[in-house]
């Protein structure tokens, strides 16, 4: 395997690295600054971006940054279910067995959140897969009649199609309660180089293993999308190891991409 070939301590471009591997670039700095305001003042936040651009990584960083004495994060990503099933999932994640009936589930969620000494932050990844009715239900949770002080905040994170869904007239009340919006863009060329260098160093190898020209070419092929950068860089390492090459240059990247088809 390429780890032995390049004397790496671990896979540098793994899909889900430890949280301390995540590189806080300017995109994440801006997002985290907005989310700090949201945690202090907001009820609903919206994070969007194309697949593989780093939304889940941002959510991981946000969870780690939340003071545990003030917030209880509840992460959910199984969103392609019926509205009632989604409410049952929330109850389960809150640590209780779900009751029968949608009305009882609503009350159970509200009662459980009120018991917490901290504010509950419901983090919903893959939100673009949520049904419109589930989005209405979430709006009802943050606006429970006269109980305006329910200690609940909701973060919706999903692909760009989520913006299209939120244009529905039935979701106007939800949209009006979104206090923070952030769209995560792909990495710039300079950010891609920094990203690759950071990952190589984390694997205890030199960032010169891949030449600057090769890193720039990887950026072009990947369009600056971190997940695709990981895939391409990994494919280049495998290709180089199979040919007993000790470094990766532009020709190695082009040879790899001749066999590597992006979706």
Protein backbone atom coordinates (compact mmCIF):
# COMPACT_ATOMS: atom_id res chain seq x y z
CA UNK A 1 0.00 0.00 0.00
CA UNK A 2 1.16 3.60 -0.56
CA UNK A 3 1.49 4.25 3.20
CA UNK A 4 4.56 2.01 3.38
CA UNK A 5 5.88 3.21 0.06
CA UNK A 6 5.89 6.85 1.21
CA UNK A 7 6.61 6.09 4.90
CA UNK A 8 3.35 7.71 6.02
CA UNK A 9 2.00 7.22 9.52
CA UNK A 10 -1.61 7.29 8.32
CA UNK A 11 -3.76 7.99 5.28
CA UNK A 12 -3.47 11.77 4.70
CA UNK A 13 -6.61 12.16 2.61
CA UNK A 14 -9.08 10.05 4.56
CA UNK A 15 -12.73 11.03 4.22
CA UNK A 16 -13.46 11.57 7.93
CA UNK A 17 -10.24 12.64 9.67
CA UNK A 18 -9.97 13.46 13.39
CA UNK A 19 -11.44 16.85 14.23
CA UNK A 20 -8.02 18.31 15.02
CA UNK A 21 -6.99 17.56 11.43
CA UNK A 22 -9.56 19.99 10.06
CA UNK A 23 -7.99 23.13 8.64
CA UNK A 24 -9.72 26.37 9.63
CA UNK A 25 -9.46 28.31 6.38
CA UNK A 26 -11.05 31.71 5.75
CA UNK A 27 -14.33 30.07 4.67
CA UNK A 28 -14.70 28.34 8.02
CA UNK A 29 -13.51 31.39 9.96
CA UNK A 30 -16.30 33.47 8.42
CA UNK A 31 -18.86 30.72 8.97
CA UNK A 32 -17.89 30.19 12.62
CA UNK A 33 -18.07 33.94 13.29
CA UNK A 34 -21.64 33.98 11.96
CA UNK A 35 -22.53 30.88 13.93
CA UNK A 36 -21.25 32.48 17.14
CA UNK A 37 -23.81 35.25 16.63
CA UNK A 38 -26.45 32.64 15.90
CA UNK A 39 -25.74 30.77 19.13
CA UNK A 40 -26.02 34.01 21.08
CA UNK A 41 -29.06 35.52 19.36
CA UNK A 42 -30.63 33.34 16.65
CA UNK A 43 -33.22 30.56 16.42
CA UNK A 44 -32.56 29.05 12.98
CA UNK A 45 -29.36 29.04 10.87
CA UNK A 46 -28.88 27.90 7.27
CA UNK A 47 -25.67 26.46 5.81
CA UNK A 48 -25.55 25.50 2.13
CA UNK A 49 -22.96 24.29 -0.36
CA UNK A 50 -22.41 21.71 -3.07
CA UNK A 51 -21.65 18.13 -2.15
CA UNK A 52 -18.18 17.53 -0.75
CA UNK A 53 -17.40 21.19 -0.11
CA UNK A 54 -17.01 20.85 3.67
CA UNK A 55 -20.42 21.34 5.30
CA UNK A 56 -20.11 18.35 7.61
CA UNK A 57 -16.57 19.36 8.56
CA UNK A 58 -17.85 22.80 9.51
CA UNK A 59 -20.57 21.23 11.66
CA UNK A 60 -17.96 19.10 13.43
CA UNK A 61 -15.87 22.18 14.17
CA UNK A 62 -18.93 24.03 15.40
CA UNK A 63 -19.91 21.21 17.75
CA UNK A 64 -16.42 21.16 19.21
CA UNK A 65 -16.45 24.95 19.71
CA UNK A 66 -19.76 25.00 21.61
CA UNK A 67 -19.32 25.55 25.37
CA UNK A 68 -20.67 22.38 26.98
CA UNK A 69 -22.05 24.29 29.94
CA UNK A 70 -24.30 26.34 27.64
CA UNK A 71 -25.28 24.12 24.71
CA UNK A 72 -26.26 20.51 24.06
CA UNK A 73 -25.72 19.71 20.36
CA UNK A 74 -27.95 17.02 18.83
CA UNK A 75 -26.67 15.89 15.43
CA UNK A 76 -29.00 14.28 12.88
CA UNK A 77 -28.43 13.23 9.27
CA UNK A 78 -31.06 10.57 8.54
CA UNK A 79 -33.40 13.08 6.96
CA UNK A 80 -35.09 11.16 4.14
CA UNK A 81 -37.90 9.84 6.33
CA UNK A 82 -41.54 10.72 6.96
CA UNK A 83 -42.37 13.72 9.20
CA UNK A 84 -43.53 11.48 12.05
CA UNK A 85 -40.43 9.29 11.75
CA UNK A 86 -38.26 12.40 11.91
CA UNK A 87 -39.93 13.51 15.13
CA UNK A 88 -39.35 10.04 16.56
CA UNK A 89 -35.67 10.32 15.62
CA UNK A 90 -35.43 13.63 17.47
CA UNK A 91 -36.98 12.09 20.58
CA UNK A 92 -34.58 9.13 20.37
CA UNK A 93 -31.57 11.44 20.01
CA UNK A 94 -32.79 13.33 23.07
CA UNK A 95 -32.51 10.07 24.98
CA UNK A 96 -36.13 9.01 25.40
CA UNK A 97 -38.34 6.29 23.91
CA UNK A 98 -40.79 7.89 21.43
CA UNK A 99 -44.46 8.04 22.28
CA UNK A 100 -47.23 7.10 19.85
CA UNK A 101 -48.94 9.88 17.89
CA UNK A 102 -47.51 13.01 16.32
CA UNK A 103 -49.12 15.30 18.89
CA UNK A 104 -47.51 13.35 21.73
CA UNK A 105 -44.14 13.47 19.97
CA UNK A 106 -44.32 17.27 19.75
CA UNK A 107 -45.13 17.55 23.44
CA UNK A 108 -42.44 15.03 24.34
CA UNK A 109 -39.77 17.01 22.49
CA UNK A 110 -40.84 20.28 24.11
CA UNK A 111 -41.00 18.75 27.60
CA UNK A 112 -37.58 17.10 27.22
CA UNK A 113 -35.92 20.29 25.96
CA UNK A 114 -37.38 22.28 28.86
CA UNK A 115 -35.77 19.87 31.33
CA UNK A 116 -32.28 20.60 30.01
CA UNK A 117 -30.05 23.02 31.90
CA UNK A 118 -28.51 24.03 28.56
CA UNK A 119 -29.85 25.19 25.21
CA UNK A 120 -30.49 22.35 22.78
CA UNK A 121 -28.95 22.91 19.34
CA UNK A 122 -30.53 20.63 16.76
CA UNK A 123 -27.96 20.20 13.96
CA UNK A 124 -29.59 18.72 10.86
CA UNK A 125 -27.18 17.61 8.15
CA UNK A 126 -28.44 16.58 4.69
CA UNK A 127 -31.36 19.00 5.15
CA UNK A 128 -32.00 19.15 1.41
CA UNK A 129 -33.60 15.70 1.76
CA UNK A 130 -36.14 16.83 4.38
CA UNK A 131 -39.79 16.86 3.35
CA UNK A 132 -41.63 20.23 3.29
CA UNK A 133 -43.93 19.06 6.08
CA UNK A 134 -40.96 18.22 8.30
CA UNK A 135 -39.62 21.75 7.76
CA UNK A 136 -43.01 23.10 8.86
CA UNK A 137 -42.83 20.89 11.96
CA UNK A 138 -39.38 22.26 12.79
CA UNK A 139 -40.69 25.80 12.50
CA UNK A 140 -43.48 24.92 14.91
CA UNK A 141 -40.93 23.63 17.41
CA UNK A 142 -39.03 26.93 17.52
CA UNK A 143 -42.28 28.86 17.71
CA UNK A 144 -44.42 26.95 20.17
CA UNK A 145 -47.27 29.36 20.63
CA UNK A 146 -46.86 31.60 23.65
CA UNK A 147 -43.79 29.69 24.86
CA UNK A 148 -41.30 31.88 23.03
CA UNK A 149 -38.43 30.99 25.37
CA UNK A 150 -38.06 27.31 24.54
CA UNK A 151 -34.26 26.77 24.67
CA UNK A 152 -34.03 25.30 21.18
CA UNK A 153 -31.97 26.34 18.17
CA UNK A 154 -31.92 24.65 14.77
CA UNK A 155 -29.13 24.50 12.19
CA UNK A 156 -30.16 23.37 8.70
CA UNK A 157 -27.25 22.25 6.54
CA UNK A 158 -27.69 20.94 3.01
CA UNK A 159 -26.94 21.15 -0.68
CA UNK A 160 -27.97 24.13 -2.79
CA UNK A 161 -31.32 22.55 -3.68
CA UNK A 162 -32.39 23.35 -0.12
CA UNK A 163 -32.61 27.03 -1.13
CA UNK A 164 -35.08 26.08 -3.85
CA UNK A 165 -37.25 24.16 -1.42
CA UNK A 166 -37.28 27.08 1.02
CA UNK A 167 -38.93 29.27 -1.62
CA UNK A 168 -42.23 27.44 -1.08
CA UNK A 169 -44.96 29.74 0.20
CA UNK A 170 -45.76 27.24 2.97
CA UNK A 171 -42.26 27.72 4.39
CA UNK A 172 -42.30 31.53 4.54
CA UNK A 173 -42.62 31.53 8.34
CA UNK A 174 -39.58 29.26 8.63
CA UNK A 175 -37.51 31.38 6.26
CA UNK A 176 -38.40 34.55 8.18
CA UNK A 177 -36.89 32.98 11.31
CA UNK A 178 -33.52 32.23 9.68
CA UNK A 179 -31.18 34.74 11.32
CA UNK A 180 -27.89 33.49 9.84
CA UNK A 181 -27.15 32.19 6.35
CA UNK A 182 -23.81 31.00 5.01
CA UNK A 183 -22.91 29.44 1.68
CA UNK A 184 -19.67 27.45 1.65
CA UNK A 185 -17.71 27.88 -1.57
CA UNK A 186 -15.03 25.54 -2.97
CA UNK A 187 -11.40 26.16 -2.07
CA UNK A 188 -9.36 28.69 -3.99
CA UNK A 189 -6.13 27.53 -5.62
CA UNK A 190 -4.09 28.86 -2.67
CA UNK A 191 -6.43 27.20 -0.18
CA UNK A 192 -6.15 23.89 -2.03
CA UNK A 193 -2.36 24.00 -1.79
CA UNK A 194 -2.58 24.78 1.94
CA UNK A 195 -5.13 21.98 2.38
CA UNK A 196 -2.93 19.38 0.66
CA UNK A 197 0.18 20.52 2.55
CA UNK A 198 -1.69 20.34 5.87
CA UNK A 199 -2.94 16.81 5.21
CA UNK A 200 0.52 15.56 4.13
CA UNK A 201 2.13 16.97 7.26
CA UNK A 202 -0.54 15.31 9.39
CA UNK A 203 0.58 11.98 7.91
CA UNK A 204 4.17 12.78 8.99
CA UNK A 205 5.45 13.25 5.48
CA UNK A 206 6.86 16.21 3.57
CA UNK A 207 4.50 18.57 1.77
CA UNK A 208 7.07 18.50 -1.05
CA UNK A 209 5.98 14.94 -1.87
CA UNK A 210 3.54 16.59 -4.29
CA UNK A 211 4.98 19.43 -6.35
CA UNK A 212 3.37 22.86 -6.38
CA UNK A 213 2.46 22.41 -10.04
CA UNK A 214 0.82 19.06 -9.27
CA UNK A 215 -1.18 20.59 -6.40
CA UNK A 216 -2.39 23.32 -8.71
CA UNK A 217 -3.41 20.72 -11.27
CA UNK A 218 -5.27 18.70 -8.63
CA UNK A 219 -7.16 21.89 -7.77
CA UNK A 220 -8.20 22.32 -11.40
CA UNK A 221 -9.39 18.74 -11.75
CA UNK A 222 -11.26 18.86 -8.43
CA UNK A 223 -12.72 22.32 -8.87
CA UNK A 224 -11.55 23.15 -5.37
CA UNK A 225 -13.96 20.66 -3.77
CA UNK A 226 -12.20 19.04 -0.77
CA UNK A 227 -13.79 15.61 -1.20
CA UNK A 228 -12.64 15.45 -4.81
CA UNK A 229 -9.20 16.72 -3.81
CA UNK A 230 -9.01 13.81 -1.36
CA UNK A 231 -10.09 11.33 -4.03
CA UNK A 232 -7.66 12.60 -6.65
CA UNK A 233 -4.71 12.92 -4.28
CA UNK A 234 -5.32 9.39 -3.00
CA UNK A 235 -5.51 8.04 -6.55
CA UNK A 236 -2.22 9.79 -7.35
CA UNK A 237 -0.53 8.22 -4.31
CA UNK A 238 -1.77 4.76 -5.32
CA UNK A 239 -0.65 5.29 -8.92
CA UNK A 240 2.79 6.54 -7.87
CA UNK A 241 3.31 3.66 -5.43
CA UNK A 242 2.32 1.10 -8.06
CA UNK A 243 5.06 2.48 -10.35
CA UNK A 244 7.61 2.91 -7.53
CA UNK A 245 7.65 6.68 -8.04
CA UNK A 246 8.90 8.65 -5.03
CA UNK A 247 7.16 11.94 -5.83
CA UNK A 248 4.08 13.27 -7.58
CA UNK A 249 4.39 15.84 -10.34
CA UNK A 250 2.08 17.10 -13.10
CA UNK A 251 2.68 14.07 -15.30
CA UNK A 252 1.72 11.73 -12.46
CA UNK A 253 -1.53 13.64 -11.91
CA UNK A 254 -2.38 13.57 -15.63
CA UNK A 255 -1.59 9.86 -15.90
CA UNK A 256 -3.78 9.19 -12.88
CA UNK A 257 -6.66 11.26 -14.20
CA UNK A 258 -6.57 9.39 -17.50
CA UNK A 259 -7.87 6.40 -15.52
CA UNK A 260 -9.80 8.32 -12.87
CA UNK A 261 -13.25 9.44 -13.94
CA UNK A 262 -14.95 12.15 -11.88
CA UNK A 263 -18.75 11.96 -11.64
